Amino acid sequence: MALAPSRVVALSRAVAELEGPEAALDAVYDLGLDTYHLFHAVRADLLRRVGRTAEAEAAYAAAIERTANEAERACLERSGRGLR
């Protein structure tokens, strides 16, 4: 963040989970990256890890909806199916 502050860098920092998944969730919610599919993918994974399955499913769906990359879409679909 000191070298290149941006919302995407903040998202990457949250992925590192320096303070655990709950703190990472708190950090990502206010980033304003709703159109960025990886924002939703990160949220989905963090939500899954804290047991908030329904919210994780919705976040995976949002990530899938926002990506044009078929390989990423397939990976996200597999991850989302693993919740059921």
PDB file of N, CA and C in Angstrom:
ATOM      1  N   MET A   1       0.827  -1.191   0.000  1.00  0.00           N
ATOM      2  CA  MET A   1       0.000   0.000   0.000  1.00  0.00           C
ATOM      3  C   MET A   1       0.872   1.256   0.000  1.00  0.00           C
ATOM      4  N   ALA A   2       2.046   1.190   0.623  1.00  0.00           N
ATOM      5  CA  ALA A   2       2.899   2.371   0.684  1.00  0.00           C
ATOM      6  C   ALA A   2       3.448   2.742  -0.695  1.00  0.00           C
ATOM      7  N   LEU A   3       3.710   1.732  -1.521  1.00  0.00           N
ATOM      8  CA  LEU A   3       4.298   1.996  -2.831  1.00  0.00           C
ATOM      9  C   LEU A   3       3.273   2.324  -3.904  1.00  0.00           C
ATOM     10  N   ALA A   4       2.152   1.627  -3.889  1.00  0.00           N
ATOM     11  CA  ALA A   4       1.147   1.811  -4.934  1.00  0.00           C
ATOM     12  C   ALA A   4      -0.252   1.660  -4.345  1.00  0.00           C
ATOM     13  N   PRO A   5      -0.703   2.640  -3.577  1.00  0.00           N
ATOM     14  CA  PRO A   5      -2.016   2.516  -2.953  1.00  0.00           C
ATOM     15  C   PRO A   5      -3.147   2.506  -3.980  1.00  0.00           C
ATOM     16  N   SER A   6      -3.986   1.499  -3.878  1.00  0.00           N
ATOM     17  CA  SER A   6      -5.173   1.416  -4.729  1.00  0.00           C
ATOM     18  C   SER A   6      -6.137   0.441  -4.084  1.00  0.00           C
ATOM     19  N   ARG A   7      -7.345   0.434  -4.582  1.00  0.00           N
ATOM     20  CA  ARG A   7      -8.339  -0.491  -4.040  1.00  0.00           C
ATOM     21  C   ARG A   7      -7.979  -1.932  -4.357  1.00  0.00           C
ATOM     22  N   VAL A   8      -7.392  -2.187  -5.522  1.00  0.00           N
ATOM     23  CA  VAL A   8      -7.003  -3.547  -5.893  1.00  0.00           C
ATOM     24  C   VAL A   8      -5.848  -4.016  -5.009  1.00  0.00           C
ATOM     25  N   VAL A   9      -4.921  -3.132  -4.705  1.00  0.00           N
ATOM     26  CA  VAL A   9      -3.832  -3.489  -3.792  1.00  0.00           C
ATOM     27  C   VAL A   9      -4.400  -3.771  -2.400  1.00  0.00           C
ATOM     28  N   ALA A  10      -5.366  -2.996  -1.964  1.00  0.00           N
ATOM     29  CA  ALA A  10      -6.011  -3.240  -0.674  1.00  0.00           C
ATOM     30  C   ALA A  10      -6.699  -4.602  -0.666  1.00  0.00           C
ATOM     31  N   LEU A  11      -7.303  -4.973  -1.778  1.00  0.00           N
ATOM     32  CA  LEU A  11      -7.927  -6.287  -1.895  1.00  0.00           C
ATOM     33  C   LEU A  11      -6.872  -7.383  -1.774  1.00  0.00           C
ATOM     34  N   SER A  12      -5.757  -7.203  -2.459  1.00  0.00           N
ATOM     35  CA  SER A  12      -4.667  -8.183  -2.379  1.00  0.00           C
ATOM     36  C   SER A  12      -4.138  -8.301  -0.961  1.00  0.00           C
ATOM     37  N   ARG A  13      -4.050  -7.200  -0.289  1.00  0.00           N
ATOM     38  CA  ARG A  13      -3.593  -7.227   1.105  1.00  0.00           C
ATOM     39  C   ARG A  13      -4.572  -8.002   1.979  1.00  0.00           C
ATOM     40  N   ALA A  14      -5.855  -7.836   1.741  1.00  0.00           N
ATOM     41  CA  ALA A  14      -6.858  -8.572   2.511  1.00  0.00           C
ATOM     42  C   ALA A  14      -6.742 -10.069   2.260  1.00  0.00           C
ATOM     43  N   VAL A  15      -6.394 -10.450   1.021  1.00  0.00           N
ATOM     44  CA  VAL A  15      -6.225 -11.865   0.692  1.00  0.00           C
ATOM     45  C   VAL A  15      -5.142 -12.473   1.564  1.00  0.00           C
ATOM     46  N   ALA A  16      -4.134 -11.697   1.899  1.00  0.00           N
ATOM     47  CA  ALA A  16      -3.050 -12.196   2.748  1.00  0.00           C
ATOM     48  C   ALA A  16      -3.545 -12.496   4.158  1.00  0.00           C
ATOM     49  N   GLU A  17      -4.698 -11.976   4.512  1.00  0.00           N
ATOM     50  CA  GLU A  17      -5.341 -12.234   5.796  1.00  0.00           C
ATOM     51  C   GLU A  17      -4.411 -12.034   6.981  1.00  0.00           C
ATOM     52  N   LEU A  18      -3.789 -10.909   7.014  1.00  0.00           N
ATOM     53  CA  LEU A  18      -2.865 -10.640   8.108  1.00  0.00           C
ATOM     54  C   LEU A  18      -3.536 -10.731   9.475  1.00  0.00           C
ATOM     55  N   GLU A  19      -4.844 -10.520   9.527  1.00  0.00           N
ATOM     56  CA  GLU A  19      -5.573 -10.531  10.787  1.00  0.00           C
ATOM     57  C   GLU A  19      -6.702 -11.551  10.802  1.00  0.00           C
ATOM     58  N   GLY A  20      -6.719 -12.501   9.876  1.00  0.00           N
ATOM     59  CA  GLY A  20      -7.749 -13.531   9.830  1.00  0.00           C
ATOM     60  C   GLY A  20      -8.868 -13.194   8.871  1.00  0.00           C
ATOM     61  N   PRO A  21      -9.706 -14.199   8.545  1.00  0.00           N
ATOM     62  CA  PRO A  21     -10.746 -13.992   7.532  1.00  0.00           C
ATOM     63  C   PRO A  21     -11.821 -12.982   7.919  1.00  0.00           C
ATOM     64  N   GLU A  22     -12.189 -12.889   9.181  1.00  0.00           N
ATOM     65  CA  GLU A  22     -13.205 -11.898   9.583  1.00  0.00           C
ATOM     66  C   GLU A  22     -12.685 -10.484   9.359  1.00  0.00           C
ATOM     67  N   ALA A  23     -11.449 -10.230   9.751  1.00  0.00           N
ATOM     68  CA  ALA A  23     -10.863  -8.907   9.551  1.00  0.00           C
ATOM     69  C   ALA A  23     -10.703  -8.609   8.064  1.00  0.00           C
ATOM     70  N   ALA A  24     -10.349  -9.638   7.297  1.00  0.00           N
ATOM     71  CA  ALA A  24     -10.216  -9.457   5.847  1.00  0.00           C
ATOM     72  C   ALA A  24     -11.565  -9.099   5.231  1.00  0.00           C
ATOM     73  N   LEU A  25     -12.626  -9.754   5.689  1.00  0.00           N
ATOM     74  CA  LEU A  25     -13.966  -9.417   5.196  1.00  0.00           C
ATOM     75  C   LEU A  25     -14.299  -7.961   5.485  1.00  0.00           C
ATOM     76  N   ASP A  26     -14.015  -7.535   6.698  1.00  0.00           N
ATOM     77  CA  ASP A  26     -14.276  -6.135   7.048  1.00  0.00           C
ATOM     78  C   ASP A  26     -13.504  -5.192   6.130  1.00  0.00           C
ATOM     79  N   ALA A  27     -12.273  -5.575   5.804  1.00  0.00           N
ATOM     80  CA  ALA A  27     -11.422  -4.720   4.971  1.00  0.00           C
ATOM     81  C   ALA A  27     -11.916  -4.633   3.534  1.00  0.00           C
ATOM     82  N   VAL A  28     -12.489  -5.705   2.994  1.00  0.00           N
ATOM     83  CA  VAL A  28     -12.871  -5.686   1.581  1.00  0.00           C
ATOM     84  C   VAL A  28     -14.232  -5.058   1.315  1.00  0.00           C
ATOM     85  N   TYR A  29     -15.116  -5.032   2.299  1.00  0.00           N
ATOM     86  CA  TYR A  29     -16.472  -4.548   2.047  1.00  0.00           C
ATOM     87  C   TYR A  29     -16.530  -3.095   1.584  1.00  0.00           C
ATOM     88  N   ASP A  30     -15.631  -2.285   2.000  1.00  0.00           N
ATOM     89  CA  ASP A  30     -15.695  -0.860   1.668  1.00  0.00           C
ATOM     90  C   ASP A  30     -14.786  -0.457   0.512  1.00  0.00           C
ATOM     91  N   LEU A  31     -14.322  -1.411  -0.279  1.00  0.00           N
ATOM     92  CA  LEU A  31     -13.374  -1.090  -1.346  1.00  0.00           C
ATOM     93  C   LEU A  31     -14.019  -0.530  -2.610  1.00  0.00           C
ATOM     94  N   GLY A  32     -15.314  -0.718  -2.787  1.00  0.00           N
ATOM     95  CA  GLY A  32     -15.983  -0.170  -3.965  1.00  0.00           C
ATOM     96  C   GLY A  32     -15.554  -0.835  -5.265  1.00  0.00           C
ATOM     97  N   LEU A  33     -15.353  -2.141  -5.229  1.00  0.00           N
ATOM     98  CA  LEU A  33     -14.907  -2.879  -6.417  1.00  0.00           C
ATOM     99  C   LEU A  33     -15.999  -3.817  -6.941  1.00  0.00           C
ATOM    100  N   ASP A  34     -17.231  -3.380  -6.885  1.00  0.00           N
ATOM    101  CA  ASP A  34     -18.352  -4.255  -7.239  1.00  0.00           C
ATOM    102  C   ASP A  34     -18.286  -4.809  -8.651  1.00  0.00           C
ATOM    103  N   THR A  35     -17.683  -4.109  -9.578  1.00  0.00           N
ATOM    104  CA  THR A  35     -17.627  -4.600 -10.958  1.00  0.00           C
ATOM    105  C   THR A  35     -16.442  -5.534 -11.207  1.00  0.00           C
ATOM    106  N   TYR A  36     -15.548  -5.678 -10.241  1.00  0.00           N
ATOM    107  CA  TYR A  36     -14.328  -6.479 -10.377  1.00  0.00           C
ATOM    108  C   TYR A  36     -14.602  -7.905  -9.894  1.00  0.00           C
ATOM    109  N   HIS A  37     -14.532  -8.872 -10.795  1.00  0.00           N
ATOM    110  CA  HIS A  37     -14.911 -10.241 -10.443  1.00  0.00           C
ATOM    111  C   HIS A  37     -14.049 -10.828  -9.325  1.00  0.00           C
ATOM    112  N   LEU A  38     -12.774 -10.468  -9.268  1.00  0.00           N
ATOM    113  CA  LEU A  38     -11.918 -11.023  -8.218  1.00  0.00           C
ATOM    114  C   LEU A  38     -12.285 -10.499  -6.832  1.00  0.00           C
ATOM    115  N   PHE A  39     -12.878  -9.323  -6.767  1.00  0.00           N
ATOM    116  CA  PHE A  39     -13.397  -8.824  -5.493  1.00  0.00           C
ATOM    117  C   PHE A  39     -14.436  -9.798  -4.952  1.00  0.00           C
ATOM    118  N   HIS A  40     -15.350 -10.214  -5.801  1.00  0.00           N
ATOM    119  CA  HIS A  40     -16.403 -11.137  -5.375  1.00  0.00           C
ATOM    120  C   HIS A  40     -15.844 -12.530  -5.098  1.00  0.00           C
ATOM    121  N   ALA A  41     -14.836 -12.937  -5.855  1.00  0.00           N
ATOM    122  CA  ALA A  41     -14.209 -14.239  -5.611  1.00  0.00           C
ATOM    123  C   ALA A  41     -13.511 -14.258  -4.249  1.00  0.00           C
ATOM    124  N   VAL A  42     -12.821 -13.184  -3.922  1.00  0.00           N
ATOM    125  CA  VAL A  42     -12.168 -13.090  -2.613  1.00  0.00           C
ATOM    126  C   VAL A  42     -13.211 -13.118  -1.505  1.00  0.00           C
ATOM    127  N   ARG A  43     -14.250 -12.322  -1.660  1.00  0.00           N
ATOM    128  CA  ARG A  43     -15.327 -12.316  -0.655  1.00  0.00           C
ATOM    129  C   ARG A  43     -15.927 -13.696  -0.493  1.00  0.00           C
ATOM    130  N   ALA A  44     -16.167 -14.385  -1.610  1.00  0.00           N
ATOM    131  CA  ALA A  44     -16.757 -15.720  -1.561  1.00  0.00           C
ATOM    132  C   ALA A  44     -15.888 -16.668  -0.746  1.00  0.00           C
ATOM    133  N   ASP A  45     -14.600 -16.655  -1.020  1.00  0.00           N
ATOM    134  CA  ASP A  45     -13.700 -17.550  -0.290  1.00  0.00           C
ATOM    135  C   ASP A  45     -13.654 -17.207   1.194  1.00  0.00           C
ATOM    136  N   LEU A  46     -13.574 -15.942   1.518  1.00  0.00           N
ATOM    137  CA  LEU A  46     -13.541 -15.544   2.927  1.00  0.00           C
ATOM    138  C   LEU A  46     -14.845 -15.912   3.632  1.00  0.00           C
ATOM    139  N   LEU A  47     -15.966 -15.664   2.975  1.00  0.00           N
ATOM    140  CA  LEU A  47     -17.266 -16.021   3.555  1.00  0.00           C
ATOM    141  C   LEU A  47     -17.378 -17.524   3.773  1.00  0.00           C
ATOM    142  N   ARG A  48     -16.889 -18.309   2.816  1.00  0.00           N
ATOM    143  CA  ARG A  48     -16.892 -19.769   2.958  1.00  0.00           C
ATOM    144  C   ARG A  48     -16.069 -20.188   4.170  1.00  0.00           C
ATOM    145  N   ARG A  49     -14.931 -19.550   4.340  1.00  0.00           N
ATOM    146  CA  ARG A  49     -14.022 -19.925   5.422  1.00  0.00           C
ATOM    147  C   ARG A  49     -14.572 -19.601   6.800  1.00  0.00           C
ATOM    148  N   VAL A  50     -15.468 -18.644   6.888  1.00  0.00           N
ATOM    149  CA  VAL A  50     -16.071 -18.326   8.188  1.00  0.00           C
ATOM    150  C   VAL A  50     -17.451 -18.953   8.348  1.00  0.00           C
ATOM    151  N   GLY A  51     -17.835 -19.806   7.398  1.00  0.00           N
ATOM    152  CA  GLY A  51     -19.081 -20.553   7.523  1.00  0.00           C
ATOM    153  C   GLY A  51     -20.333 -19.828   7.093  1.00  0.00           C
ATOM    154  N   ARG A  52     -20.207 -18.741   6.364  1.00  0.00           N
ATOM    155  CA  ARG A  52     -21.376 -17.989   5.890  1.00  0.00           C
ATOM    156  C   ARG A  52     -21.697 -18.436   4.465  1.00  0.00           C
ATOM    157  N   THR A  53     -22.188 -19.679   4.371  1.00  0.00           N
ATOM    158  CA  THR A  53     -22.349 -20.389   3.105  1.00  0.00           C
ATOM    159  C   THR A  53     -23.284 -19.685   2.122  1.00  0.00           C
ATOM    160  N   ALA A  54     -24.437 -19.251   2.565  1.00  0.00           N
ATOM    161  CA  ALA A  54     -25.392 -18.612   1.652  1.00  0.00           C
ATOM    162  C   ALA A  54     -24.795 -17.343   1.047  1.00  0.00           C
ATOM    163  N   GLU A  55     -24.108 -16.560   1.856  1.00  0.00           N
ATOM    164  CA  GLU A  55     -23.470 -15.349   1.352  1.00  0.00           C
ATOM    165  C   GLU A  55     -22.326 -15.694   0.398  1.00  0.00           C
ATOM    166  N   ALA A  56     -21.604 -16.766   0.711  1.00  0.00           N
ATOM    167  CA  ALA A  56     -20.508 -17.214  -0.161  1.00  0.00           C
ATOM    168  C   ALA A  56     -21.051 -17.618  -1.525  1.00  0.00           C
ATOM    169  N   GLU A  57     -22.166 -18.359  -1.537  1.00  0.00           N
ATOM    170  CA  GLU A  57     -22.774 -18.762  -2.810  1.00  0.00           C
ATOM    171  C   GLU A  57     -23.145 -17.540  -3.647  1.00  0.00           C
ATOM    172  N   ALA A  58     -23.718 -16.535  -3.004  1.00  0.00           N
ATOM    173  CA  ALA A  58     -24.102 -15.315  -3.723  1.00  0.00           C
ATOM    174  C   ALA A  58     -22.864 -14.589  -4.259  1.00  0.00           C
ATOM    175  N   ALA A  59     -21.793 -14.572  -3.486  1.00  0.00           N
ATOM    176  CA  ALA A  59     -20.564 -13.911  -3.927  1.00  0.00           C
ATOM    177  C   ALA A  59     -19.928 -14.666  -5.092  1.00  0.00           C
ATOM    178  N   TYR A  60     -19.943 -16.014  -5.039  1.00  0.00           N
ATOM    179  CA  TYR A  60     -19.439 -16.785  -6.179  1.00  0.00           C
ATOM    180  C   TYR A  60     -20.265 -16.479  -7.426  1.00  0.00           C
ATOM    181  N   ALA A  61     -21.584 -16.411  -7.282  1.00  0.00           N
ATOM    182  CA  ALA A  61     -22.450 -16.101  -8.420  1.00  0.00           C
ATOM    183  C   ALA A  61     -22.119 -14.719  -8.987  1.00  0.00           C
ATOM    184  N   ALA A  62     -21.868 -13.756  -8.117  1.00  0.00           N
ATOM    185  CA  ALA A  62     -21.509 -12.412  -8.569  1.00  0.00           C
ATOM    186  C   ALA A  62     -20.178 -12.432  -9.318  1.00  0.00           C
ATOM    187  N   ALA A  63     -19.225 -13.198  -8.835  1.00  0.00           N
ATOM    188  CA  ALA A  63     -17.920 -13.296  -9.506  1.00  0.00           C
ATOM    189  C   ALA A  63     -18.071 -13.938 -10.875  1.00  0.00           C
ATOM    190  N   ILE A  64     -18.859 -15.002 -10.936  1.00  0.00           N
ATOM    191  CA  ILE A  64     -19.083 -15.711 -12.206  1.00  0.00           C
ATOM    192  C   ILE A  64     -19.738 -14.774 -13.222  1.00  0.00           C
ATOM    193  N   GLU A  65     -20.711 -14.028 -12.763  1.00  0.00           N
ATOM    194  CA  GLU A  65     -21.440 -13.104 -13.639  1.00  0.00           C
ATOM    195  C   GLU A  65     -20.525 -12.018 -14.227  1.00  0.00           C
ATOM    196  N   ARG A  66     -19.479 -11.659 -13.499  1.00  0.00           N
ATOM    197  CA  ARG A  66     -18.642 -10.540 -13.895  1.00  0.00           C
ATOM    198  C   ARG A  66     -17.366 -10.920 -14.650  1.00  0.00           C
ATOM    199  N   THR A  67     -17.117 -12.208 -14.858  1.00  0.00           N
ATOM    200  CA  THR A  67     -15.900 -12.575 -15.576  1.00  0.00           C
ATOM    201  C   THR A  67     -16.227 -13.046 -16.991  1.00  0.00           C
ATOM    202  N   ALA A  68     -15.379 -12.656 -17.927  1.00  0.00           N
ATOM    203  CA  ALA A  68     -15.522 -13.097 -19.312  1.00  0.00           C
ATOM    204  C   ALA A  68     -14.572 -14.246 -19.618  1.00  0.00           C
ATOM    205  N   ASN A  69     -13.669 -14.537 -18.689  1.00  0.00           N
ATOM    206  CA  ASN A  69     -12.665 -15.570 -18.893  1.00  0.00           C
ATOM    207  C   ASN A  69     -13.271 -16.940 -18.574  1.00  0.00           C
ATOM    208  N   GLU A  70     -13.326 -17.814 -19.570  1.00  0.00           N
ATOM    209  CA  GLU A  70     -13.968 -19.120 -19.397  1.00  0.00           C
ATOM    210  C   GLU A  70     -13.268 -19.987 -18.349  1.00  0.00           C
ATOM    211  N   ALA A  71     -11.943 -19.948 -18.304  1.00  0.00           N
ATOM    212  CA  ALA A  71     -11.203 -20.753 -17.323  1.00  0.00           C
ATOM    213  C   ALA A  71     -11.497 -20.269 -15.903  1.00  0.00           C
ATOM    214  N   GLU A  72     -11.524 -18.956 -15.709  1.00  0.00           N
ATOM    215  CA  GLU A  72     -11.860 -18.413 -14.390  1.00  0.00           C
ATOM    216  C   GLU A  72     -13.292 -18.760 -14.017  1.00  0.00           C
ATOM    217  N   ARG A  73     -14.191 -18.648 -14.995  1.00  0.00           N
ATOM    218  CA  ARG A  73     -15.595 -18.970 -14.740  1.00  0.00           C
ATOM    219  C   ARG A  73     -15.735 -20.432 -14.295  1.00  0.00           C
ATOM    220  N   ALA A  74     -15.064 -21.349 -14.980  1.00  0.00           N
ATOM    221  CA  ALA A  74     -15.138 -22.769 -14.628  1.00  0.00           C
ATOM    222  C   ALA A  74     -14.601 -23.015 -13.219  1.00  0.00           C
ATOM    223  N   CYS A  75     -13.504 -22.365 -12.876  1.00  0.00           N
ATOM    224  CA  CYS A  75     -12.925 -22.503 -11.539  1.00  0.00           C
ATOM    225  C   CYS A  75     -13.885 -21.982 -10.470  1.00  0.00           C
ATOM    226  N   LEU A  76     -14.475 -20.828 -10.719  1.00  0.00           N
ATOM    227  CA  LEU A  76     -15.430 -20.253  -9.774  1.00  0.00           C
ATOM    228  C   LEU A  76     -16.675 -21.127  -9.635  1.00  0.00           C
ATOM    229  N   GLU A  77     -17.133 -21.687 -10.740  1.00  0.00           N
ATOM    230  CA  GLU A  77     -18.307 -22.572 -10.683  1.00  0.00           C
ATOM    231  C   GLU A  77     -18.004 -23.811  -9.848  1.00  0.00           C
ATOM    232  N   ARG A  78     -16.811 -24.390 -10.030  1.00  0.00           N
ATOM    233  CA  ARG A  78     -16.430 -25.558  -9.213  1.00  0.00           C
ATOM    234  C   ARG A  78     -16.362 -25.191  -7.730  1.00  0.00           C
ATOM    235  N   SER A  79     -15.798 -24.056  -7.438  1.00  0.00           N
ATOM    236  CA  SER A  79     -15.687 -23.615  -6.038  1.00  0.00           C
ATOM    237  C   SER A  79     -17.062 -23.396  -5.428  1.00  0.00           C
ATOM    238  N   GLY A  80     -17.945 -22.760  -6.179  1.00  0.00           N
ATOM    239  CA  GLY A  80     -19.292 -22.499  -5.680  1.00  0.00           C
ATOM    240  C   GLY A  80     -20.092 -23.779  -5.482  1.00  0.00           C
ATOM    241  N   ARG A  81     -19.895 -24.743  -6.359  1.00  0.00           N
ATOM    242  CA  ARG A  81     -20.593 -26.022  -6.203  1.00  0.00           C
ATOM    243  C   ARG A  81     -20.130 -26.766  -4.965  1.00  0.00           C
ATOM    244  N   GLY A  82     -18.890 -26.559  -4.567  1.00  0.00           N
ATOM    245  CA  GLY A  82     -18.352 -27.235  -3.394  1.00  0.00           C
ATOM    246  C   GLY A  82     -19.017 -26.834  -2.093  1.00  0.00           C
ATOM    247  N   LEU A  83     -19.830 -25.786  -2.127  1.00  0.00           N
ATOM    248  CA  LEU A  83     -20.518 -25.328  -0.915  1.00  0.00           C
ATOM    249  C   LEU A  83     -21.777 -26.135  -0.614  1.00  0.00           C
ATOM    250  N   ARG A  84     -22.315 -26.775  -1.616  1.00  0.00           N
ATOM    251  CA  ARG A  84     -23.599 -27.474  -1.442  1.00  0.00           C
ATOM    252  C   ARG A  84     -23.414 -28.857  -0.921  1.00  0.00           C
TER     253      ARG A  84
END
